[in-house]
Amino acid sequence: MVGETGKSSLEEQIDENLRKVFQKDTEEPVPDRFVDLLKQLKEREQANDK
């Protein structure tokens, strides 16, 4: 059976389960080391633009 979105109920279940799995990942904090690396890259970009 196809729902309003044009997807079968199985596809809708898969979508919902994937959302649940990846939602947990998006709620985790970014590690400090990664934030520091991003800051360094941004500083280098700004220095190169001058």
PDB file of N, CA and C in Angstrom:
ATOM      1  N   MET A   1       0.840  -1.182   0.000  1.00  0.00           N
ATOM      2  CA  MET A   1       0.000   0.000   0.000  1.00  0.00           C
ATOM      3  C   MET A   1       0.885   1.245   0.000  1.00  0.00           C
ATOM      4  N   VAL A   2       0.485   2.259  -0.731  1.00  0.00           N
ATOM      5  CA  VAL A   2       1.256   3.482  -0.843  1.00  0.00           C
ATOM      6  C   VAL A   2       0.589   4.579  -0.036  1.00  0.00           C
ATOM      7  N   GLY A   3       1.399   5.277   0.797  1.00  0.00           N
ATOM      8  CA  GLY A   3       0.870   6.346   1.636  1.00  0.00           C
ATOM      9  C   GLY A   3       0.796   7.665   0.888  1.00  0.00           C
ATOM     10  N   GLU A   4       0.504   8.740   1.623  1.00  0.00           N
ATOM     11  CA  GLU A   4       0.367  10.065   1.030  1.00  0.00           C
ATOM     12  C   GLU A   4       1.660  10.544   0.385  1.00  0.00           C
ATOM     13  N   THR A   5       2.800  10.092   0.892  1.00  0.00           N
ATOM     14  CA  THR A   5       4.089  10.531   0.364  1.00  0.00           C
ATOM     15  C   THR A   5       4.493   9.759  -0.880  1.00  0.00           C
ATOM     16  N   GLY A   6       3.702   8.766  -1.263  1.00  0.00           N
ATOM     17  CA  GLY A   6       4.044   7.947  -2.416  1.00  0.00           C
ATOM     18  C   GLY A   6       4.950   6.787  -2.054  1.00  0.00           C
ATOM     19  N   LYS A   7       5.187   6.597  -0.766  1.00  0.00           N
ATOM     20  CA  LYS A   7       6.050   5.513  -0.306  1.00  0.00           C
ATOM     21  C   LYS A   7       5.200   4.389   0.260  1.00  0.00           C
ATOM     22  N   SER A   8       5.729   3.194   0.168  1.00  0.00           N
ATOM     23  CA  SER A   8       5.042   2.055   0.778  1.00  0.00           C
ATOM     24  C   SER A   8       5.206   2.132   2.294  1.00  0.00           C
ATOM     25  N   SER A   9       4.402   1.387   3.018  1.00  0.00           N
ATOM     26  CA  SER A   9       4.503   1.404   4.478  1.00  0.00           C
ATOM     27  C   SER A   9       5.871   0.882   4.926  1.00  0.00           C
ATOM     28  N   LEU A  10       6.444  -0.046   4.178  1.00  0.00           N
ATOM     29  CA  LEU A  10       7.777  -0.543   4.513  1.00  0.00           C
ATOM     30  C   LEU A  10       8.812   0.567   4.367  1.00  0.00           C
ATOM     31  N   GLU A  11       8.737   1.336   3.294  1.00  0.00           N
ATOM     32  CA  GLU A  11       9.668   2.447   3.095  1.00  0.00           C
ATOM     33  C   GLU A  11       9.498   3.501   4.190  1.00  0.00           C
ATOM     34  N   GLU A  12       8.268   3.748   4.591  1.00  0.00           N
ATOM     35  CA  GLU A  12       8.025   4.712   5.663  1.00  0.00           C
ATOM     36  C   GLU A  12       8.597   4.216   6.981  1.00  0.00           C
ATOM     37  N   GLN A  13       8.506   2.917   7.254  1.00  0.00           N
ATOM     38  CA  GLN A  13       9.085   2.351   8.478  1.00  0.00           C
ATOM     39  C   GLN A  13      10.604   2.474   8.444  1.00  0.00           C
ATOM     40  N   ILE A  14      11.190   2.204   7.291  1.00  0.00           N
ATOM     41  CA  ILE A  14      12.648   2.321   7.152  1.00  0.00           C
ATOM     42  C   ILE A  14      13.076   3.764   7.397  1.00  0.00           C
ATOM     43  N   ASP A  15      12.370   4.715   6.782  1.00  0.00           N
ATOM     44  CA  ASP A  15      12.684   6.135   6.980  1.00  0.00           C
ATOM     45  C   ASP A  15      12.618   6.516   8.458  1.00  0.00           C
ATOM     46  N   GLU A  16      11.571   6.090   9.122  1.00  0.00           N
ATOM     47  CA  GLU A  16      11.388   6.423  10.538  1.00  0.00           C
ATOM     48  C   GLU A  16      12.512   5.831  11.382  1.00  0.00           C
ATOM     49  N   ASN A  17      12.880   4.594  11.124  1.00  0.00           N
ATOM     50  CA  ASN A  17      13.958   3.960  11.896  1.00  0.00           C
ATOM     51  C   ASN A  17      15.300   4.636  11.643  1.00  0.00           C
ATOM     52  N   LEU A  18      15.560   5.022  10.412  1.00  0.00           N
ATOM     53  CA  LEU A  18      16.806   5.739  10.117  1.00  0.00           C
ATOM     54  C   LEU A  18      16.834   7.090  10.831  1.00  0.00           C
ATOM     55  N   ARG A  19      15.707   7.776  10.846  1.00  0.00           N
ATOM     56  CA  ARG A  19      15.633   9.057  11.564  1.00  0.00           C
ATOM     57  C   ARG A  19      15.954   8.858  13.046  1.00  0.00           C
ATOM     58  N   LYS A  20      15.413   7.821  13.642  1.00  0.00           N
ATOM     59  CA  LYS A  20      15.656   7.554  15.064  1.00  0.00           C
ATOM     60  C   LYS A  20      17.140   7.303  15.328  1.00  0.00           C
ATOM     61  N   VAL A  21      17.772   6.513  14.478  1.00  0.00           N
ATOM     62  CA  VAL A  21      19.186   6.181  14.662  1.00  0.00           C
ATOM     63  C   VAL A  21      20.056   7.419  14.527  1.00  0.00           C
ATOM     64  N   PHE A  22      19.835   8.190  13.469  1.00  0.00           N
ATOM     65  CA  PHE A  22      20.705   9.331  13.216  1.00  0.00           C
ATOM     66  C   PHE A  22      20.374  10.524  14.100  1.00  0.00           C
ATOM     67  N   GLN A  23      19.179  10.600  14.643  1.00  0.00           N
ATOM     68  CA  GLN A  23      18.831  11.681  15.564  1.00  0.00           C
ATOM     69  C   GLN A  23      19.725  11.616  16.794  1.00  0.00           C
ATOM     70  N   LYS A  24      20.002  10.406  17.262  1.00  0.00           N
ATOM     71  CA  LYS A  24      20.876  10.237  18.424  1.00  0.00           C
ATOM     72  C   LYS A  24      22.261  10.809  18.139  1.00  0.00           C
ATOM     73  N   ASP A  25      22.777  10.578  16.929  1.00  0.00           N
ATOM     74  CA  ASP A  25      24.096  11.080  16.561  1.00  0.00           C
ATOM     75  C   ASP A  25      24.133  12.601  16.519  1.00  0.00           C
ATOM     76  N   THR A  26      23.061  13.217  16.042  1.00  0.00           N
ATOM     77  CA  THR A  26      23.057  14.674  15.924  1.00  0.00           C
ATOM     78  C   THR A  26      22.934  15.357  17.274  1.00  0.00           C
ATOM     79  N   GLU A  27      22.505  14.632  18.293  1.00  0.00           N
ATOM     80  CA  GLU A  27      22.362  15.210  19.622  1.00  0.00           C
ATOM     81  C   GLU A  27      23.634  15.099  20.458  1.00  0.00           C
ATOM     82  N   GLU A  28      24.609  14.325  19.990  1.00  0.00           N
ATOM     83  CA  GLU A  28      25.855  14.172  20.731  1.00  0.00           C
ATOM     84  C   GLU A  28      26.707  15.433  20.563  1.00  0.00           C
ATOM     85  N   PRO A  29      27.394  15.844  21.625  1.00  0.00           N
ATOM     86  CA  PRO A  29      28.237  17.032  21.512  1.00  0.00           C
ATOM     87  C   PRO A  29      29.457  16.773  20.617  1.00  0.00           C
ATOM     88  N   VAL A  30      29.921  17.836  19.993  1.00  0.00           N
ATOM     89  CA  VAL A  30      31.114  17.741  19.154  1.00  0.00           C
ATOM     90  C   VAL A  30      32.328  17.712  20.080  1.00  0.00           C
ATOM     91  N   PRO A  31      33.258  16.774  19.861  1.00  0.00           N
ATOM     92  CA  PRO A  31      34.448  16.700  20.714  1.00  0.00           C
ATOM     93  C   PRO A  31      35.266  17.990  20.653  1.00  0.00           C
ATOM     94  N   ASP A  32      35.859  18.366  21.785  1.00  0.00           N
ATOM     95  CA  ASP A  32      36.648  19.599  21.863  1.00  0.00           C
ATOM     96  C   ASP A  32      37.771  19.624  20.835  1.00  0.00           C
ATOM     97  N   ARG A  33      38.402  18.508  20.613  1.00  0.00           N
ATOM     98  CA  ARG A  33      39.511  18.448  19.649  1.00  0.00           C
ATOM     99  C   ARG A  33      39.025  18.818  18.247  1.00  0.00           C
ATOM    100  N   PHE A  34      37.847  18.373  17.894  1.00  0.00           N
ATOM    101  CA  PHE A  34      37.291  18.678  16.580  1.00  0.00           C
ATOM    102  C   PHE A  34      36.953  20.170  16.479  1.00  0.00           C
ATOM    103  N   VAL A  35      36.406  20.725  17.555  1.00  0.00           N
ATOM    104  CA  VAL A  35      36.099  22.157  17.573  1.00  0.00           C
ATOM    105  C   VAL A  35      37.386  22.965  17.414  1.00  0.00           C
ATOM    106  N   ASP A  36      38.447  22.546  18.092  1.00  0.00           N
ATOM    107  CA  ASP A  36      39.733  23.232  17.973  1.00  0.00           C
ATOM    108  C   ASP A  36      40.272  23.177  16.544  1.00  0.00           C
ATOM    109  N   LEU A  37      40.153  22.032  15.905  1.00  0.00           N
ATOM    110  CA  LEU A  37      40.615  21.906  14.521  1.00  0.00           C
ATOM    111  C   LEU A  37      39.821  22.807  13.578  1.00  0.00           C
ATOM    112  N   LEU A  38      38.519  22.869  13.775  1.00  0.00           N
ATOM    113  CA  LEU A  38      37.692  23.745  12.951  1.00  0.00           C
ATOM    114  C   LEU A  38      38.076  25.213  13.151  1.00  0.00           C
ATOM    115  N   LYS A  39      38.360  25.577  14.383  1.00  0.00           N
ATOM    116  CA  LYS A  39      38.776  26.946  14.681  1.00  0.00           C
ATOM    117  C   LYS A  39      40.095  27.271  13.968  1.00  0.00           C
ATOM    118  N   GLN A  40      41.039  26.347  13.998  1.00  0.00           N
ATOM    119  CA  GLN A  40      42.322  26.550  13.320  1.00  0.00           C
ATOM    120  C   GLN A  40      42.129  26.717  11.821  1.00  0.00           C
ATOM    121  N   LEU A  41      41.278  25.904  11.237  1.00  0.00           N
ATOM    122  CA  LEU A  41      41.019  26.016   9.800  1.00  0.00           C
ATOM    123  C   LEU A  41      40.390  27.356   9.450  1.00  0.00           C
ATOM    124  N   LYS A  42      39.459  27.796  10.272  1.00  0.00           N
ATOM    125  CA  LYS A  42      38.803  29.082  10.024  1.00  0.00           C
ATOM    126  C   LYS A  42      39.810  30.216  10.118  1.00  0.00           C
ATOM    127  N   GLU A  43      40.701  30.166  11.098  1.00  0.00           N
ATOM    128  CA  GLU A  43      41.730  31.193  11.253  1.00  0.00           C
ATOM    129  C   GLU A  43      42.663  31.221  10.046  1.00  0.00           C
ATOM    130  N   ARG A  44      43.018  30.048   9.538  1.00  0.00           N
ATOM    131  CA  ARG A  44      43.881  29.978   8.347  1.00  0.00           C
ATOM    132  C   ARG A  44      43.186  30.537   7.129  1.00  0.00           C
ATOM    133  N   GLU A  45      41.903  30.245   6.982  1.00  0.00           N
ATOM    134  CA  GLU A  45      41.143  30.781   5.851  1.00  0.00           C
ATOM    135  C   GLU A  45      41.099  32.294   5.905  1.00  0.00           C
ATOM    136  N   GLN A  46      40.871  32.840   7.100  1.00  0.00           N
ATOM    137  CA  GLN A  46      40.814  34.285   7.253  1.00  0.00           C
ATOM    138  C   GLN A  46      42.168  34.929   6.981  1.00  0.00           C
ATOM    139  N   ALA A  47      43.242  34.263   7.389  1.00  0.00           N
ATOM    140  CA  ALA A  47      44.584  34.777   7.132  1.00  0.00           C
ATOM    141  C   ALA A  47      44.905  34.755   5.640  1.00  0.00           C
ATOM    142  N   ASN A  48      44.433  33.733   4.931  1.00  0.00           N
ATOM    143  CA  ASN A  48      44.676  33.630   3.490  1.00  0.00           C
ATOM    144  C   ASN A  48      43.852  34.622   2.692  1.00  0.00           C
ATOM    145  N   ASP A  49      42.716  35.047   3.220  1.00  0.00           N
ATOM    146  CA  ASP A  49      41.860  36.009   2.535  1.00  0.00           C
ATOM    147  C   ASP A  49      42.420  37.419   2.580  1.00  0.00           C
ATOM    148  N   LYS A  50      43.319  37.673   3.499  1.00  0.00           N
ATOM    149  CA  LYS A  50      43.880  39.022   3.646  1.00  0.00           C
ATOM    150  C   LYS A  50      45.002  39.268   2.681  1.00  0.00           C
TER     151      LYS A  50
END
